[in-house]
Amino acid sequence: MPKPDDKVTIKIPRPLYLNLKKLVDGSNSGFDSVTDFIVYVLRDIASTSNSSSRADRVWDKKELEDVKEKLRKLGYLI
């Protein structure tokens, strides 16, 4: 079993990293680094996906717009 302090490297596109760096550095995000932000987001997604099946979920218009906005800020949508 891996130790809690064991870490691995995950590669992401450089433009995405730079967008996230601007987001973390340029705001009162509360995150000390891009890595902290990414770990937070991935933990959130992992915990939500375990609690309910996203494939069966019905999204309302507001939720869809919120998700699109988050993806835009992360550099996935233009």
C-alpha atoms as a PDB file:
ATOM      1  CA  MET A   1       0.000   0.000   0.000  1.00  0.00           C
ATOM      2  CA  PRO A   2       1.442   3.442  -0.928  1.00  0.00           C
ATOM      3  CA  LYS A   3       2.402   5.842   1.822  1.00  0.00           C
ATOM      4  CA  PRO A   4       0.313   9.057   2.071  1.00  0.00           C
ATOM      5  CA  ASP A   5       3.389  11.107   1.179  1.00  0.00           C
ATOM      6  CA  ASP A   6       4.079   9.134  -2.022  1.00  0.00           C
ATOM      7  CA  LYS A   7       3.471  11.277  -5.078  1.00  0.00           C
ATOM      8  CA  VAL A   8       3.429  10.790  -8.825  1.00  0.00           C
ATOM      9  CA  THR A   9       3.851  13.195 -11.700  1.00  0.00           C
ATOM     10  CA  ILE A  10       0.888  13.970 -13.927  1.00  0.00           C
ATOM     11  CA  LYS A  11       1.542  15.754 -17.194  1.00  0.00           C
ATOM     12  CA  ILE A  12      -0.875  18.432 -18.400  1.00  0.00           C
ATOM     13  CA  PRO A  13      -0.598  20.763 -21.393  1.00  0.00           C
ATOM     14  CA  ARG A  14       1.622  23.784 -20.643  1.00  0.00           C
ATOM     15  CA  PRO A  15      -1.049  26.332 -21.756  1.00  0.00           C
ATOM     16  CA  LEU A  16      -3.475  24.803 -19.250  1.00  0.00           C
ATOM     17  CA  TYR A  17      -0.837  24.964 -16.508  1.00  0.00           C
ATOM     18  CA  LEU A  18      -0.129  28.618 -17.304  1.00  0.00           C
ATOM     19  CA  ASN A  19      -3.863  29.438 -17.209  1.00  0.00           C
ATOM     20  CA  LEU A  20      -4.169  27.704 -13.845  1.00  0.00           C
ATOM     21  CA  LYS A  21      -1.080  29.529 -12.562  1.00  0.00           C
ATOM     22  CA  LYS A  22      -2.671  32.879 -13.485  1.00  0.00           C
ATOM     23  CA  LEU A  23      -5.874  31.810 -11.760  1.00  0.00           C
ATOM     24  CA  VAL A  24      -4.046  30.768  -8.572  1.00  0.00           C
ATOM     25  CA  ASP A  25      -1.563  33.672  -8.513  1.00  0.00           C
ATOM     26  CA  GLY A  26      -3.911  36.413  -9.636  1.00  0.00           C
ATOM     27  CA  SER A  27      -6.759  35.888  -7.243  1.00  0.00           C
ATOM     28  CA  ASN A  28      -7.601  35.298  -3.639  1.00  0.00           C
ATOM     29  CA  SER A  29      -8.038  31.603  -4.412  1.00  0.00           C
ATOM     30  CA  GLY A  30      -6.588  30.371  -1.141  1.00  0.00           C
ATOM     31  CA  PHE A  31      -4.299  27.947  -2.974  1.00  0.00           C
ATOM     32  CA  ASP A  32      -0.526  28.135  -2.579  1.00  0.00           C
ATOM     33  CA  SER A  33       0.243  26.441  -5.886  1.00  0.00           C
ATOM     34  CA  VAL A  34      -1.218  24.994  -9.062  1.00  0.00           C
ATOM     35  CA  THR A  35      -0.580  21.530  -7.620  1.00  0.00           C
ATOM     36  CA  ASP A  36      -2.671  22.321  -4.531  1.00  0.00           C
ATOM     37  CA  PHE A  37      -5.486  23.561  -6.763  1.00  0.00           C
ATOM     38  CA  ILE A  38      -5.384  20.505  -9.037  1.00  0.00           C
ATOM     39  CA  VAL A  39      -5.346  18.094  -6.085  1.00  0.00           C
ATOM     40  CA  TYR A  40      -8.345  19.907  -4.583  1.00  0.00           C
ATOM     41  CA  VAL A  41     -10.323  19.744  -7.857  1.00  0.00           C
ATOM     42  CA  LEU A  42      -9.494  16.081  -8.470  1.00  0.00           C
ATOM     43  CA  ARG A  43     -10.429  15.104  -4.902  1.00  0.00           C
ATOM     44  CA  ASP A  44     -13.721  16.963  -5.289  1.00  0.00           C
ATOM     45  CA  ILE A  45     -14.495  15.246  -8.588  1.00  0.00           C
ATOM     46  CA  ALA A  46     -13.512  11.833  -7.233  1.00  0.00           C
ATOM     47  CA  SER A  47     -15.677  12.213  -4.134  1.00  0.00           C
ATOM     48  CA  THR A  48     -18.693  13.433  -6.115  1.00  0.00           C
ATOM     49  CA  SER A  49     -18.408  10.747  -8.757  1.00  0.00           C
ATOM     50  CA  ASN A  50     -18.364   8.050  -6.081  1.00  0.00           C
ATOM     51  CA  SER A  51     -21.564   9.318  -4.472  1.00  0.00           C
ATOM     52  CA  SER A  52     -23.767   9.370  -7.573  1.00  0.00           C
ATOM     53  CA  SER A  53     -23.575   8.257 -11.154  1.00  0.00           C
ATOM     54  CA  ARG A  54     -22.975  11.284 -13.373  1.00  0.00           C
ATOM     55  CA  ALA A  55     -24.299   9.411 -16.401  1.00  0.00           C
ATOM     56  CA  ASP A  56     -27.747   9.188 -14.794  1.00  0.00           C
ATOM     57  CA  ARG A  57     -27.736  12.725 -13.429  1.00  0.00           C
ATOM     58  CA  VAL A  58     -30.063  15.352 -14.875  1.00  0.00           C
ATOM     59  CA  TRP A  59     -28.412  18.772 -14.991  1.00  0.00           C
ATOM     60  CA  ASP A  60     -30.465  21.950 -14.922  1.00  0.00           C
ATOM     61  CA  LYS A  61     -29.574  24.946 -17.108  1.00  0.00           C
ATOM     62  CA  LYS A  62     -27.824  26.861 -14.291  1.00  0.00           C
ATOM     63  CA  GLU A  63     -25.641  23.868 -13.373  1.00  0.00           C
ATOM     64  CA  LEU A  64     -24.605  23.381 -16.998  1.00  0.00           C
ATOM     65  CA  GLU A  65     -23.682  27.053 -17.334  1.00  0.00           C
ATOM     66  CA  ASP A  66     -21.647  26.873 -14.106  1.00  0.00           C
ATOM     67  CA  VAL A  67     -19.739  23.835 -15.376  1.00  0.00           C
ATOM     68  CA  LYS A  68     -19.103  25.510 -18.747  1.00  0.00           C
ATOM     69  CA  GLU A  69     -17.800  28.624 -16.989  1.00  0.00           C
ATOM     70  CA  LYS A  70     -15.440  26.556 -14.821  1.00  0.00           C
ATOM     71  CA  LEU A  71     -14.153  24.721 -17.905  1.00  0.00           C
ATOM     72  CA  ARG A  72     -13.667  28.069 -19.671  1.00  0.00           C
ATOM     73  CA  LYS A  73     -11.631  29.416 -16.738  1.00  0.00           C
ATOM     74  CA  LEU A  74      -9.510  26.254 -16.761  1.00  0.00           C
ATOM     75  CA  GLY A  75      -8.757  26.702 -20.455  1.00  0.00           C
ATOM     76  CA  TYR A  76     -10.784  23.794 -21.808  1.00  0.00           C
ATOM     77  CA  LEU A  77     -13.403  25.942 -23.567  1.00  0.00           C
ATOM     78  CA  ILE A  78     -12.947  29.158 -25.515  1.00  0.00           C
END
